[in-house]
C-alpha atoms as a PDB file:
ATOM      1  CA  MET A   1     116.878  92.485  87.299  1.00  0.00           C
ATOM      2  CA  LYS A   2     117.280  88.893  88.573  1.00  0.00           C
ATOM      3  CA  ILE A   3     113.586  88.234  87.913  1.00  0.00           C
ATOM      4  CA  ALA A   4     113.859  89.500  84.342  1.00  0.00           C
ATOM      5  CA  SER A   5     117.017  87.458  83.790  1.00  0.00           C
ATOM      6  CA  GLY A   6     115.211  84.374  85.069  1.00  0.00           C
ATOM      7  CA  PHE A   7     112.477  84.745  82.442  1.00  0.00           C
ATOM      8  CA  VAL A   8     115.040  85.152  79.673  1.00  0.00           C
ATOM      9  CA  GLN A   9     117.197  82.188  80.728  1.00  0.00           C
ATOM     10  CA  GLU A  10     114.177  79.930  81.139  1.00  0.00           C
ATOM     11  CA  ARG A  11     113.019  80.749  77.613  1.00  0.00           C
ATOM     12  CA  ILE A  12     116.495  80.200  76.162  1.00  0.00           C
ATOM     13  CA  LYS A  13     116.684  76.749  77.794  1.00  0.00           C
ATOM     14  CA  ARG A  14     113.261  75.839  76.411  1.00  0.00           C
ATOM     15  CA  GLY A  15     114.495  76.538  72.901  1.00  0.00           C
ATOM     16  CA  PRO A  16     112.484  77.605  69.818  1.00  0.00           C
ATOM     17  CA  ALA A  17     108.730  77.758  70.265  1.00  0.00           C
ATOM     18  CA  ALA A  18     106.768  74.792  68.938  1.00  0.00           C
ATOM     19  CA  GLU A  19     104.678  75.319  65.828  1.00  0.00           C
ATOM     20  CA  ASP A  20     101.449  75.194  67.822  1.00  0.00           C
ATOM     21  CA  HIS A  21     102.801  77.739  70.334  1.00  0.00           C
ATOM     22  CA  LYS A  22     101.969  81.343  69.583  1.00  0.00           C
ATOM     23  CA  LYS A  23     105.072  83.521  69.719  1.00  0.00           C
ATOM     24  CA  ASP A  24     105.156  86.199  72.368  1.00  0.00           C
ATOM     25  CA  PHE A  25     107.240  89.359  72.699  1.00  0.00           C
ATOM     26  CA  LEU A  26     110.186  87.567  74.315  1.00  0.00           C
ATOM     27  CA  ASP A  27     110.296  85.007  71.488  1.00  0.00           C
ATOM     28  CA  VAL A  28     110.484  87.842  68.958  1.00  0.00           C
ATOM     29  CA  LEU A  29     113.347  89.503  70.849  1.00  0.00           C
ATOM     30  CA  LEU A  30     115.288  86.236  71.053  1.00  0.00           C
ATOM     31  CA  ASP A  31     114.799  85.607  67.320  1.00  0.00           C
ATOM     32  CA  PHE A  32     115.885  89.140  66.376  1.00  0.00           C
ATOM     33  CA  GLN A  33     118.605  89.288  63.722  1.00  0.00           C
ATOM     34  CA  GLY A  34     119.934  92.756  62.950  1.00  0.00           C
ATOM     35  CA  SER A  35     122.015  93.959  60.048  1.00  0.00           C
ATOM     36  CA  GLY A  36     125.058  94.633  62.194  1.00  0.00           C
ATOM     37  CA  LYS A  37     125.344  98.140  60.726  1.00  0.00           C
ATOM     38  CA  ASN A  38     122.695 100.453  62.144  1.00  0.00           C
ATOM     39  CA  GLU A  39     121.520  97.814  64.608  1.00  0.00           C
ATOM     40  CA  PRO A  40     123.239  94.979  66.494  1.00  0.00           C
ATOM     41  CA  PRO A  41     123.247  91.482  64.964  1.00  0.00           C
ATOM     42  CA  GLN A  42     121.532  90.236  68.113  1.00  0.00           C
ATOM     43  CA  ILE A  43     120.112  91.767  71.275  1.00  0.00           C
ATOM     44  CA  SER A  44     122.489  91.231  74.195  1.00  0.00           C
ATOM     45  CA  ASP A  45     121.379  89.433  77.356  1.00  0.00           C
ATOM     46  CA  LYS A  46     121.791  92.680  79.289  1.00  0.00           C
ATOM     47  CA  ASP A  47     119.521  94.594  76.895  1.00  0.00           C
ATOM     48  CA  LEU A  48     116.990  91.743  76.954  1.00  0.00           C
ATOM     49  CA  ASN A  49     116.852  91.879  80.740  1.00  0.00           C
ATOM     50  CA  ILE A  50     116.394  95.664  80.701  1.00  0.00           C
ATOM     51  CA  ILE A  51     113.584  95.475  78.119  1.00  0.00           C
ATOM     52  CA  ILE A  52     111.725  92.786  80.084  1.00  0.00           C
ATOM     53  CA  LEU A  53     112.186  94.724  83.325  1.00  0.00           C
ATOM     54  CA  GLU A  54     110.806  97.885  81.707  1.00  0.00           C
ATOM     55  CA  ILE A  55     107.728  95.998  80.514  1.00  0.00           C
ATOM     56  CA  PHE A  56     107.054  94.738  84.031  1.00  0.00           C
ATOM     57  CA  MET A  57     107.637  98.178  85.540  1.00  0.00           C
ATOM     58  CA  ALA A  58     105.468 100.002  83.029  1.00  0.00           C
ATOM     59  CA  GLY A  59     102.707  97.423  82.954  1.00  0.00           C
ATOM     60  CA  SER A  60     102.296  96.530  86.608  1.00  0.00           C
ATOM     61  CA  GLU A  61     104.261  98.662  89.069  1.00  0.00           C
ATOM     62  CA  THR A  62     102.896 102.004  87.912  1.00  0.00           C
ATOM     63  CA  THR A  63      99.297 100.756  87.750  1.00  0.00           C
ATOM     64  CA  SER A  64      99.365  99.040  91.147  1.00  0.00           C
ATOM     65  CA  SER A  65     101.023 102.073  92.743  1.00  0.00           C
ATOM     66  CA  THR A  66      98.393 104.445  91.339  1.00  0.00           C
ATOM     67  CA  VAL A  67      95.530 102.209  92.471  1.00  0.00           C
ATOM     68  CA  GLU A  68      97.034 101.934  95.963  1.00  0.00           C
ATOM     69  CA  TRP A  69      97.381 105.716  96.260  1.00  0.00           C
ATOM     70  CA  ALA A  70      93.854 106.295  94.932  1.00  0.00           C
ATOM     71  CA  LEU A  71      92.326 103.793  97.343  1.00  0.00           C
ATOM     72  CA  THR A  72      94.316 105.355 100.179  1.00  0.00           C
ATOM     73  CA  GLU A  73      92.985 108.822  99.376  1.00  0.00           C
ATOM     74  CA  LEU A  74      89.418 107.524  99.087  1.00  0.00           C
ATOM     75  CA  LEU A  75      89.688 105.886 102.509  1.00  0.00           C
ATOM     76  CA  ARG A  76      91.031 109.168 103.924  1.00  0.00           C
ATOM     77  CA  HIS A  77      88.101 111.022 102.359  1.00  0.00           C
ATOM     78  CA  PRO A  78      84.923 108.968 102.938  1.00  0.00           C
ATOM     79  CA  GLU A  79      82.778 111.585 101.199  1.00  0.00           C
ATOM     80  CA  CYS A  80      84.753 111.007  97.987  1.00  0.00           C
ATOM     81  CA  MET A  81      84.448 107.235  98.372  1.00  0.00           C
ATOM     82  CA  ALA A  82      80.678 107.616  98.737  1.00  0.00           C
ATOM     83  CA  LYS A  83      80.484 109.678  95.536  1.00  0.00           C
ATOM     84  CA  VAL A  84      82.472 107.074  93.582  1.00  0.00           C
ATOM     85  CA  LYS A  85      80.229 104.279  94.872  1.00  0.00           C
ATOM     86  CA  ALA A  86      77.071 106.209  94.026  1.00  0.00           C
ATOM     87  CA  GLU A  87      78.288 106.945  90.504  1.00  0.00           C
ATOM     88  CA  LEU A  88      79.269 103.312  89.927  1.00  0.00           C
ATOM     89  CA  GLY A  89      75.838 102.233  91.138  1.00  0.00           C
ATOM     90  CA  ARG A  90      74.107 104.558  88.678  1.00  0.00           C
ATOM     91  CA  VAL A  91      76.275 103.682  85.676  1.00  0.00           C
ATOM     92  CA  VAL A  92      76.988  99.982  86.205  1.00  0.00           C
ATOM     93  CA  GLY A  93      73.807  99.011  88.021  1.00  0.00           C
ATOM     94  CA  ALA A  94      73.163  97.056  91.197  1.00  0.00           C
ATOM     95  CA  ASN A  95      74.583  93.677  90.159  1.00  0.00           C
ATOM     96  CA  GLY A  96      76.600  94.445  87.067  1.00  0.00           C
ATOM     97  CA  LYS A  97      80.227  94.294  86.028  1.00  0.00           C
ATOM     98  CA  LEU A  98      82.394  97.305  85.289  1.00  0.00           C
ATOM     99  CA  GLU A  99      83.316  97.295  81.593  1.00  0.00           C
ATOM    100  CA  GLU A 100      85.573  99.475  79.486  1.00  0.00           C
ATOM    101  CA  ASN A 101      82.594 101.148  77.811  1.00  0.00           C
ATOM    102  CA  HIS A 102      81.473 102.488  81.215  1.00  0.00           C
ATOM    103  CA  ILE A 103      84.582 104.618  81.756  1.00  0.00           C
ATOM    104  CA  ASP A 104      83.455 107.647  79.725  1.00  0.00           C
ATOM    105  CA  ASP A 105      80.282 107.893  81.836  1.00  0.00           C
ATOM    106  CA  LEU A 106      82.159 107.748  85.148  1.00  0.00           C
ATOM    107  CA  GLN A 107      83.087 111.411  85.387  1.00  0.00           C
ATOM    108  CA  TYR A 108      83.748 111.459  89.121  1.00  0.00           C
ATOM    109  CA  LEU A 109      85.901 108.323  88.984  1.00  0.00           C
ATOM    110  CA  GLN A 110      87.912 109.962  86.202  1.00  0.00           C
ATOM    111  CA  ALA A 111      88.335 113.033  88.409  1.00  0.00           C
ATOM    112  CA  VAL A 112      89.601 110.823  91.255  1.00  0.00           C
ATOM    113  CA  VAL A 113      92.177 109.235  88.943  1.00  0.00           C
ATOM    114  CA  LYS A 114      93.347 112.633  87.666  1.00  0.00           C
ATOM    115  CA  GLU A 115      93.665 113.966  91.203  1.00  0.00           C
ATOM    116  CA  THR A 116      95.658 110.876  92.175  1.00  0.00           C
ATOM    117  CA  PHE A 117      98.000 111.379  89.216  1.00  0.00           C
ATOM    118  CA  ARG A 118      98.410 115.033  90.254  1.00  0.00           C
ATOM    119  CA  LEU A 119      99.316 114.324  93.884  1.00  0.00           C
ATOM    120  CA  HIS A 120     100.989 110.947  93.455  1.00  0.00           C
ATOM    121  CA  PRO A 121     102.448 110.599  89.953  1.00  0.00           C
ATOM    122  CA  PRO A 122     103.739 107.036  89.492  1.00  0.00           C
ATOM    123  CA  ILE A 123     107.012 108.334  88.012  1.00  0.00           C
ATOM    124  CA  PRO A 124     108.018 111.505  89.943  1.00  0.00           C
ATOM    125  CA  PHE A 125     110.701 112.437  87.389  1.00  0.00           C
ATOM    126  CA  LEU A 126     110.091 111.946  83.684  1.00  0.00           C
ATOM    127  CA  VAL A 127     112.586 110.147  81.469  1.00  0.00           C
ATOM    128  CA  PRO A 128     115.554 112.554  81.189  1.00  0.00           C
ATOM    129  CA  ARG A 129     116.002 114.788  78.156  1.00  0.00           C
ATOM    130  CA  LYS A 130     119.139 116.401  76.757  1.00  0.00           C
ATOM    131  CA  ALA A 131     119.506 119.961  75.467  1.00  0.00           C
ATOM    132  CA  VAL A 132     120.374 119.807  71.748  1.00  0.00           C
ATOM    133  CA  ARG A 133     121.833 123.329  71.794  1.00  0.00           C
ATOM    134  CA  ASP A 134     122.703 126.140  74.202  1.00  0.00           C
ATOM    135  CA  THR A 135     119.439 127.481  75.583  1.00  0.00           C
ATOM    136  CA  ASN A 136     118.238 130.270  77.867  1.00  0.00           C
ATOM    137  CA  PHE A 137     115.059 129.357  79.722  1.00  0.00           C
ATOM    138  CA  MET A 138     113.375 131.410  82.461  1.00  0.00           C
ATOM    139  CA  GLY A 139     116.637 133.174  83.234  1.00  0.00           C
ATOM    140  CA  TYR A 140     118.722 130.006  83.307  1.00  0.00           C
ATOM    141  CA  HIS A 141     121.496 129.223  80.856  1.00  0.00           C
ATOM    142  CA  ILE A 142     121.361 125.560  79.821  1.00  0.00           C
ATOM    143  CA  PRO A 143     124.471 124.450  77.906  1.00  0.00           C
ATOM    144  CA  LYS A 144     124.240 122.025  75.028  1.00  0.00           C
ATOM    145  CA  ASN A 145     124.130 118.333  76.059  1.00  0.00           C
ATOM    146  CA  THR A 146     122.912 119.141  79.578  1.00  0.00           C
ATOM    147  CA  GLN A 147     120.745 116.336  80.930  1.00  0.00           C
ATOM    148  CA  LEU A 148     117.351 117.630  82.055  1.00  0.00           C
ATOM    149  CA  PHE A 149     114.744 116.143  84.367  1.00  0.00           C
ATOM    150  CA  VAL A 150     111.094 117.221  84.580  1.00  0.00           C
ATOM    151  CA  ASN A 151     109.814 117.095  88.169  1.00  0.00           C
ATOM    152  CA  VAL A 152     106.207 115.998  87.679  1.00  0.00           C
ATOM    153  CA  TRP A 153     105.678 115.692  91.430  1.00  0.00           C
ATOM    154  CA  ALA A 154     106.527 119.387  91.944  1.00  0.00           C
ATOM    155  CA  ILE A 155     104.336 120.523  89.027  1.00  0.00           C
ATOM    156  CA  GLY A 156     101.349 118.755  90.569  1.00  0.00           C
ATOM    157  CA  ARG A 157     101.822 120.662  93.830  1.00  0.00           C
ATOM    158  CA  GLU A 158     102.590 124.096  92.376  1.00  0.00           C
ATOM    159  CA  ALA A 159     100.455 126.733  94.120  1.00  0.00           C
ATOM    160  CA  GLU A 160     100.424 128.976  91.038  1.00  0.00           C
ATOM    161  CA  LEU A 161      98.709 126.206  89.072  1.00  0.00           C
ATOM    162  CA  TRP A 162      96.433 124.569  91.626  1.00  0.00           C
ATOM    163  CA  GLU A 163      94.143 125.877  94.342  1.00  0.00           C
ATOM    164  CA  GLU A 164      94.917 124.151  97.660  1.00  0.00           C
ATOM    165  CA  PRO A 165      97.581 122.046  95.937  1.00  0.00           C
ATOM    166  CA  SER A 166      98.197 119.713  98.893  1.00  0.00           C
ATOM    167  CA  SER A 167      94.517 118.803  99.280  1.00  0.00           C
ATOM    168  CA  PHE A 168      92.838 115.818  97.643  1.00  0.00           C
ATOM    169  CA  LYS A 169      89.916 117.437  95.809  1.00  0.00           C
ATOM    170  CA  PRO A 170      88.694 115.445  92.778  1.00  0.00           C
ATOM    171  CA  GLU A 171      85.977 118.035  92.241  1.00  0.00           C
ATOM    172  CA  ARG A 172      88.564 120.430  90.801  1.00  0.00           C
ATOM    173  CA  PHE A 173      88.633 118.251  87.670  1.00  0.00           C
ATOM    174  CA  LEU A 174      84.870 118.396  87.284  1.00  0.00           C
ATOM    175  CA  ASP A 175      85.298 122.146  86.836  1.00  0.00           C
ATOM    176  CA  LEU A 176      88.469 121.619  84.756  1.00  0.00           C
ATOM    177  CA  ASN A 177      87.232 118.610  82.788  1.00  0.00           C
ATOM    178  CA  HIS A 178      89.098 119.829  79.699  1.00  0.00           C
ATOM    179  CA  ILE A 179      92.390 118.959  81.416  1.00  0.00           C
ATOM    180  CA  ASP A 180      93.640 115.436  80.752  1.00  0.00           C
ATOM    181  CA  TYR A 181      96.949 113.599  81.116  1.00  0.00           C
ATOM    182  CA  LYS A 182      97.562 112.818  77.446  1.00  0.00           C
ATOM    183  CA  GLY A 183     100.378 115.310  77.025  1.00  0.00           C
ATOM    184  CA  GLN A 184      98.476 118.415  75.938  1.00  0.00           C
ATOM    185  CA  HIS A 185      98.168 120.095  79.345  1.00  0.00           C
ATOM    186  CA  PHE A 186     101.556 120.631  80.935  1.00  0.00           C
ATOM    187  CA  GLU A 187     100.140 121.119  84.423  1.00  0.00           C
ATOM    188  CA  LEU A 188      99.233 117.400  84.452  1.00  0.00           C
ATOM    189  CA  ILE A 189     101.798 115.242  82.649  1.00  0.00           C
ATOM    190  CA  PRO A 190     102.321 112.013  84.646  1.00  0.00           C
ATOM    191  CA  PHE A 191     103.078 110.245  81.355  1.00  0.00           C
ATOM    192  CA  GLY A 192     105.156 113.018  79.827  1.00  0.00           C
ATOM    193  CA  ALA A 193     104.434 114.886  76.605  1.00  0.00           C
ATOM    194  CA  GLY A 194     105.584 115.063  73.018  1.00  0.00           C
ATOM    195  CA  ARG A 195     107.254 112.339  70.998  1.00  0.00           C
ATOM    196  CA  ARG A 196     108.899 110.777  74.043  1.00  0.00           C
ATOM    197  CA  MET A 197     105.789 110.470  76.198  1.00  0.00           C
ATOM    198  CA  CYS A 198     104.749 107.061  77.502  1.00  0.00           C
ATOM    199  CA  ALA A 199     103.353 104.868  74.737  1.00  0.00           C
ATOM    200  CA  GLY A 200     101.184 102.995  77.228  1.00  0.00           C
ATOM    201  CA  VAL A 201      98.815 105.845  78.129  1.00  0.00           C
ATOM    202  CA  PRO A 202      95.707 104.226  76.543  1.00  0.00           C
ATOM    203  CA  LEU A 203      96.359 100.957  78.385  1.00  0.00           C
ATOM    204  CA  ALA A 204      97.108 102.717  81.679  1.00  0.00           C
ATOM    205  CA  HIS A 205      93.932 104.809  81.320  1.00  0.00           C
ATOM    206  CA  ARG A 206      91.812 101.689  80.939  1.00  0.00           C
ATOM    207  CA  MET A 207      93.562  99.585  83.562  1.00  0.00           C
ATOM    208  CA  VAL A 208      93.582 102.148  86.376  1.00  0.00           C
ATOM    209  CA  HIS A 209      89.897 102.961  85.947  1.00  0.00           C
ATOM    210  CA  LEU A 210      88.845  99.319  85.609  1.00  0.00           C
ATOM    211  CA  VAL A 211      90.914  98.054  88.549  1.00  0.00           C
ATOM    212  CA  LEU A 212      90.107 100.919  90.924  1.00  0.00           C
ATOM    213  CA  GLY A 213      86.458 101.049  89.877  1.00  0.00           C
ATOM    214  CA  SER A 214      86.028  97.282  90.276  1.00  0.00           C
ATOM    215  CA  LEU A 215      87.614  97.288  93.739  1.00  0.00           C
ATOM    216  CA  VAL A 216      85.308 100.062  94.917  1.00  0.00           C
ATOM    217  CA  TYR A 217      82.227  98.631  93.171  1.00  0.00           C
ATOM    218  CA  HIS A 218      82.486  95.056  94.449  1.00  0.00           C
ATOM    219  CA  PHE A 219      83.799  95.705  97.963  1.00  0.00           C
ATOM    220  CA  ASP A 220      83.254  97.919 100.955  1.00  0.00           C
ATOM    221  CA  TRP A 221      86.609  98.974 102.381  1.00  0.00           C
ATOM    222  CA  GLN A 222      87.776  99.844 105.861  1.00  0.00           C
ATOM    223  CA  LEU A 223      91.164 100.499 107.395  1.00  0.00           C
ATOM    224  CA  ASP A 224      92.936  97.855 109.439  1.00  0.00           C
ATOM    225  CA  SER A 225      92.036  98.108 113.131  1.00  0.00           C
ATOM    226  CA  SER A 226      95.579  99.259 113.937  1.00  0.00           C
ATOM    227  CA  ILE A 227      95.208 102.363 111.731  1.00  0.00           C
ATOM    228  CA  THR A 228      93.061 105.480 111.966  1.00  0.00           C
ATOM    229  CA  LEU A 229      92.583 108.349 109.535  1.00  0.00           C
ATOM    230  CA  GLU A 230      94.850 110.439 111.742  1.00  0.00           C
ATOM    231  CA  THR A 231      97.655 107.857 111.930  1.00  0.00           C
ATOM    232  CA  MET A 232      97.580 106.687 108.309  1.00  0.00           C
ATOM    233  CA  ASP A 233     101.120 106.898 106.913  1.00  0.00           C
ATOM    234  CA  MET A 234     101.176 109.055 103.761  1.00  0.00           C
ATOM    235  CA  ARG A 235     104.943 109.156 103.327  1.00  0.00           C
ATOM    236  CA  GLU A 236     106.315 108.391  99.896  1.00  0.00           C
ATOM    237  CA  ASN A 237     109.106 106.095  98.820  1.00  0.00           C
ATOM    238  CA  LEU A 238     110.798 108.218  96.161  1.00  0.00           C
ATOM    239  CA  ALA A 239     112.289 105.652  93.811  1.00  0.00           C
ATOM    240  CA  MET A 240     111.814 104.896  90.126  1.00  0.00           C
ATOM    241  CA  VAL A 241     108.127 104.285  90.906  1.00  0.00           C
ATOM    242  CA  MET A 242     106.696 106.371  93.746  1.00  0.00           C
ATOM    243  CA  ARG A 243     104.979 103.886  96.030  1.00  0.00           C
ATOM    244  CA  LYS A 244     103.761 104.384  99.585  1.00  0.00           C
ATOM    245  CA  LEU A 245     106.568 104.003 102.086  1.00  0.00           C
ATOM    246  CA  GLU A 246     104.225 101.901 104.228  1.00  0.00           C
ATOM    247  CA  PRO A 247     101.834  99.744 102.166  1.00  0.00           C
ATOM    248  CA  LEU A 248      98.132 100.386 102.596  1.00  0.00           C
ATOM    249  CA  LYS A 249      96.474  98.080 105.128  1.00  0.00           C
ATOM    250  CA  ALA A 250      92.782  97.883 104.323  1.00  0.00           C
ATOM    251  CA  LEU A 251      90.139  95.193 104.685  1.00  0.00           C
ATOM    252  CA  PRO A 252      87.679  94.454 101.862  1.00  0.00           C
ATOM    253  CA  LYS A 253      84.177  93.253 102.614  1.00  0.00           C
ATOM    254  CA  LYS A 254      82.192  91.730  99.779  1.00  0.00           C
ATOM    255  CA  LYS A 255      79.251  93.931  98.848  1.00  0.00           C
ATOM    256  CA  ILE A 256      75.938  92.189  99.443  1.00  0.00           C
END
């Protein structure tokens, strides 16, 4: 929160943007003037800080966490890493650059990303909902106004939904390529579903594939000498964003 507050205070001290300066999102928030009836006359400093923090969390933390988990799983499963590299070589070429238009042709890379979202969803619990009326669901009575959480982490490891649910097997999504994470298949909903699902799914889809694919395409990776496949720490830090408890230690070597 201190970081977000720092951005806001710095912008306030700078004052109104110059005419030749293109307004950004923070400028718009600072200039906001509400009616005072159905909306506040101005956005409070506290709300500004929360909005800025959410943008940082949604735009960077979730993406970097997913890429770290995916790279970790690929290093644990060299045969999967080899398949991703081979596919990138076929689609991108020997000395190319991974572009957005390549993503649709990278079926195995897409399967790796889906499998990572299944095992390591960036947000383990979706944004809470509230029951609008008394409800009976699967034998449970849920009173009106009860706050509800959806445990995405548990859904991704449910044995009734997934074969070998604890295993990293991207190939499952080659057979189930109709399943995506855009809110239509409830067995894989890292971004939620319905009207309250994450609005940044298209951006996240592009960024995760481009960042992960570029890292694998341009570099050969190996674990730090102090770590082996058997001793690699796979524990999770269950917070707002589910990162690795111990950050991945891996060494990149530029591909020749």
